């Protein structure tokens, strides 16, 4: 599992645009630096702003995080 092929595609262009003020969801460095906060917001259903993620997407992001966030 890696960022480019598994994690980056989880974030849509609209998600990226909505969060650009804080960080870039298509940037490995930004997502890695903010991964805990991103996961918290996803669990709180505050992110993405239009609809909650499926359990599969959440599990994929958490698995990547727990695997040490490989690039």
N, C-alpha and C. Protein backbone atom coordinates (compact mmCIF):
# COMPACT_ATOMS: atom_id res chain seq x y z
N UNK A 1 0.86 -1.18 0.00
CA UNK A 1 0.00 0.00 0.00
C UNK A 1 0.90 1.24 0.00
N UNK A 2 0.56 2.20 -0.86
CA UNK A 2 1.34 3.43 -0.87
C UNK A 2 0.42 4.64 -1.13
N UNK A 3 0.97 5.81 -0.95
CA UNK A 3 0.18 7.03 -1.05
C UNK A 3 -0.36 7.26 -2.46
N UNK A 4 0.50 7.22 -3.44
CA UNK A 4 0.10 7.58 -4.81
C UNK A 4 -1.01 6.70 -5.38
N UNK A 5 -0.90 5.41 -5.17
CA UNK A 5 -1.88 4.51 -5.80
C UNK A 5 -3.07 4.16 -4.91
N UNK A 6 -2.92 4.25 -3.60
CA UNK A 6 -3.98 3.81 -2.69
C UNK A 6 -4.66 4.93 -1.91
N UNK A 7 -3.90 5.93 -1.49
CA UNK A 7 -4.46 6.95 -0.59
C UNK A 7 -4.87 8.22 -1.34
N UNK A 8 -4.00 8.73 -2.16
CA UNK A 8 -4.33 9.95 -2.91
C UNK A 8 -5.67 9.83 -3.66
N UNK A 9 -5.96 8.69 -4.32
CA UNK A 9 -7.24 8.57 -5.04
C UNK A 9 -8.48 8.61 -4.14
N UNK A 10 -8.30 8.42 -2.83
CA UNK A 10 -9.44 8.52 -1.92
C UNK A 10 -9.99 9.94 -1.86
N UNK A 11 -9.11 10.91 -2.09
CA UNK A 11 -9.49 12.32 -2.00
C UNK A 11 -9.85 12.86 -3.38
N UNK A 12 -11.07 13.31 -3.50
CA UNK A 12 -11.55 13.86 -4.77
C UNK A 12 -11.02 15.29 -4.95
N UNK A 13 -11.14 15.78 -6.16
CA UNK A 13 -10.71 17.15 -6.45
C UNK A 13 -11.46 18.15 -5.57
N UNK A 14 -12.75 17.93 -5.36
CA UNK A 14 -13.53 18.84 -4.51
C UNK A 14 -13.02 18.81 -3.07
N UNK A 15 -12.61 17.64 -2.59
CA UNK A 15 -12.04 17.54 -1.24
C UNK A 15 -10.76 18.35 -1.15
N UNK A 16 -9.93 18.20 -2.16
CA UNK A 16 -8.66 18.93 -2.21
C UNK A 16 -8.90 20.43 -2.22
N UNK A 17 -9.83 20.87 -3.06
CA UNK A 17 -10.13 22.31 -3.16
C UNK A 17 -10.65 22.86 -1.83
N UNK A 18 -11.51 22.10 -1.15
CA UNK A 18 -12.08 22.54 0.12
C UNK A 18 -11.03 22.67 1.22
N UNK A 19 -10.00 21.86 1.17
CA UNK A 19 -8.99 21.85 2.24
C UNK A 19 -7.71 22.59 1.89
N UNK A 20 -7.61 23.13 0.68
CA UNK A 20 -6.37 23.78 0.25
C UNK A 20 -5.92 24.89 1.18
N UNK A 21 -6.85 25.51 1.88
CA UNK A 21 -6.50 26.61 2.80
C UNK A 21 -5.62 26.10 3.95
N UNK A 22 -5.74 24.80 4.27
CA UNK A 22 -4.99 24.23 5.39
C UNK A 22 -3.83 23.35 4.94
N UNK A 23 -4.10 22.49 3.96
CA UNK A 23 -3.08 21.58 3.43
C UNK A 23 -3.59 20.97 2.14
N UNK A 24 -2.69 20.33 1.41
CA UNK A 24 -3.02 19.75 0.11
C UNK A 24 -3.23 18.24 0.27
N UNK A 25 -4.45 17.79 0.05
CA UNK A 25 -4.77 16.37 0.19
C UNK A 25 -4.14 15.50 -0.88
N UNK A 26 -3.58 16.09 -1.90
CA UNK A 26 -2.88 15.31 -2.92
C UNK A 26 -1.36 15.34 -2.72
N UNK A 27 -0.93 15.88 -1.61
CA UNK A 27 0.49 15.94 -1.28
C UNK A 27 0.81 14.92 -0.19
N UNK A 28 1.72 14.01 -0.50
CA UNK A 28 2.12 13.01 0.49
C UNK A 28 2.58 13.67 1.79
N UNK A 29 3.45 14.67 1.68
CA UNK A 29 3.99 15.33 2.87
C UNK A 29 2.89 15.97 3.70
N UNK A 30 1.94 16.62 3.07
CA UNK A 30 0.85 17.28 3.79
C UNK A 30 -0.07 16.27 4.46
N UNK A 31 -0.42 15.21 3.75
CA UNK A 31 -1.32 14.20 4.33
C UNK A 31 -0.61 13.47 5.46
N UNK A 32 0.64 13.15 5.28
CA UNK A 32 1.40 12.48 6.34
C UNK A 32 1.47 13.36 7.59
N UNK A 33 1.76 14.64 7.41
CA UNK A 33 1.88 15.56 8.54
C UNK A 33 0.55 15.78 9.26
N UNK A 34 -0.56 15.59 8.55
CA UNK A 34 -1.88 15.87 9.12
C UNK A 34 -2.76 14.62 9.22
N UNK A 35 -2.17 13.45 9.10
CA UNK A 35 -2.94 12.20 9.03
C UNK A 35 -3.85 11.99 10.24
N UNK A 36 -3.35 12.21 11.44
CA UNK A 36 -4.19 12.00 12.62
C UNK A 36 -5.40 12.92 12.60
N UNK A 37 -5.20 14.18 12.27
CA UNK A 37 -6.30 15.14 12.22
C UNK A 37 -7.29 14.78 11.12
N UNK A 38 -6.78 14.34 9.98
CA UNK A 38 -7.66 13.93 8.87
C UNK A 38 -8.52 12.75 9.30
N UNK A 39 -7.92 11.76 9.92
CA UNK A 39 -8.66 10.58 10.37
C UNK A 39 -9.71 10.98 11.40
N UNK A 40 -9.35 11.84 12.34
CA UNK A 40 -10.31 12.31 13.34
C UNK A 40 -11.50 12.99 12.67
N UNK A 41 -11.25 13.84 11.68
CA UNK A 41 -12.33 14.55 11.00
C UNK A 41 -13.21 13.60 10.18
N UNK A 42 -12.60 12.58 9.61
CA UNK A 42 -13.38 11.60 8.86
C UNK A 42 -14.27 10.80 9.81
N UNK A 43 -13.73 10.39 10.96
CA UNK A 43 -14.54 9.67 11.95
C UNK A 43 -15.66 10.56 12.50
N UNK A 44 -15.40 11.85 12.63
CA UNK A 44 -16.41 12.79 13.13
C UNK A 44 -17.42 13.16 12.05
N UNK A 45 -17.18 12.68 10.84
CA UNK A 45 -18.03 12.95 9.67
C UNK A 45 -18.03 14.44 9.30
N UNK A 46 -16.96 15.12 9.67
CA UNK A 46 -16.79 16.53 9.31
C UNK A 46 -16.03 16.66 7.99
N UNK A 47 -15.46 15.56 7.55
CA UNK A 47 -14.68 15.54 6.32
C UNK A 47 -14.95 14.23 5.62
N UNK A 48 -15.21 14.21 4.36
CA UNK A 48 -15.42 15.36 3.50
C UNK A 48 -16.73 16.07 3.84
N UNK A 49 -16.86 17.25 3.33
CA UNK A 49 -17.96 18.11 3.76
C UNK A 49 -19.31 17.72 3.17
N UNK A 50 -19.35 16.95 2.10
CA UNK A 50 -20.64 16.68 1.45
C UNK A 50 -21.24 15.31 1.76
N UNK A 51 -20.41 14.32 2.05
CA UNK A 51 -20.92 12.99 2.37
C UNK A 51 -19.85 12.19 3.10
N UNK A 52 -20.25 11.37 4.06
CA UNK A 52 -19.25 10.58 4.78
C UNK A 52 -18.64 9.50 3.90
N UNK A 53 -17.43 9.11 4.25
CA UNK A 53 -16.74 8.05 3.53
C UNK A 53 -17.37 6.70 3.83
N UNK A 54 -17.22 5.78 2.90
CA UNK A 54 -17.61 4.40 3.14
C UNK A 54 -16.63 3.79 4.14
N UNK A 55 -17.05 2.72 4.77
CA UNK A 55 -16.18 2.03 5.73
C UNK A 55 -14.91 1.52 5.04
N UNK A 56 -15.01 1.11 3.79
CA UNK A 56 -13.83 0.63 3.04
C UNK A 56 -12.78 1.72 2.91
N UNK A 57 -13.21 2.93 2.59
CA UNK A 57 -12.26 4.03 2.45
C UNK A 57 -11.60 4.35 3.78
N UNK A 58 -12.39 4.39 4.84
CA UNK A 58 -11.85 4.68 6.17
C UNK A 58 -10.82 3.62 6.55
N UNK A 59 -11.17 2.36 6.34
CA UNK A 59 -10.26 1.26 6.69
C UNK A 59 -8.96 1.34 5.90
N UNK A 60 -9.04 1.72 4.64
CA UNK A 60 -7.84 1.84 3.82
C UNK A 60 -6.92 2.94 4.36
N UNK A 61 -7.49 4.10 4.68
CA UNK A 61 -6.69 5.21 5.21
C UNK A 61 -6.06 4.82 6.55
N UNK A 62 -6.83 4.22 7.42
CA UNK A 62 -6.32 3.82 8.75
C UNK A 62 -5.23 2.75 8.58
N UNK A 63 -5.41 1.79 7.69
CA UNK A 63 -4.40 0.77 7.47
C UNK A 63 -3.09 1.38 6.98
N UNK A 64 -3.19 2.36 6.09
CA UNK A 64 -2.00 3.06 5.60
C UNK A 64 -1.30 3.77 6.75
N UNK A 65 -2.08 4.44 7.58
CA UNK A 65 -1.55 5.15 8.74
C UNK A 65 -0.84 4.18 9.68
N UNK A 66 -1.51 3.07 9.98
CA UNK A 66 -0.94 2.08 10.90
C UNK A 66 0.29 1.38 10.32
N UNK A 67 0.40 1.36 9.00
CA UNK A 67 1.57 0.74 8.34
C UNK A 67 2.76 1.71 8.29
N UNK A 68 2.61 2.87 8.88
CA UNK A 68 3.72 3.82 8.91
C UNK A 68 3.67 4.84 7.80
N UNK A 69 2.54 4.92 7.09
CA UNK A 69 2.32 5.90 6.02
C UNK A 69 3.39 5.85 4.93
N UNK A 70 3.56 4.68 4.28
CA UNK A 70 4.58 4.58 3.22
C UNK A 70 4.27 5.51 2.04
N UNK A 71 5.33 6.09 1.46
CA UNK A 71 5.12 7.01 0.33
C UNK A 71 4.55 6.31 -0.91
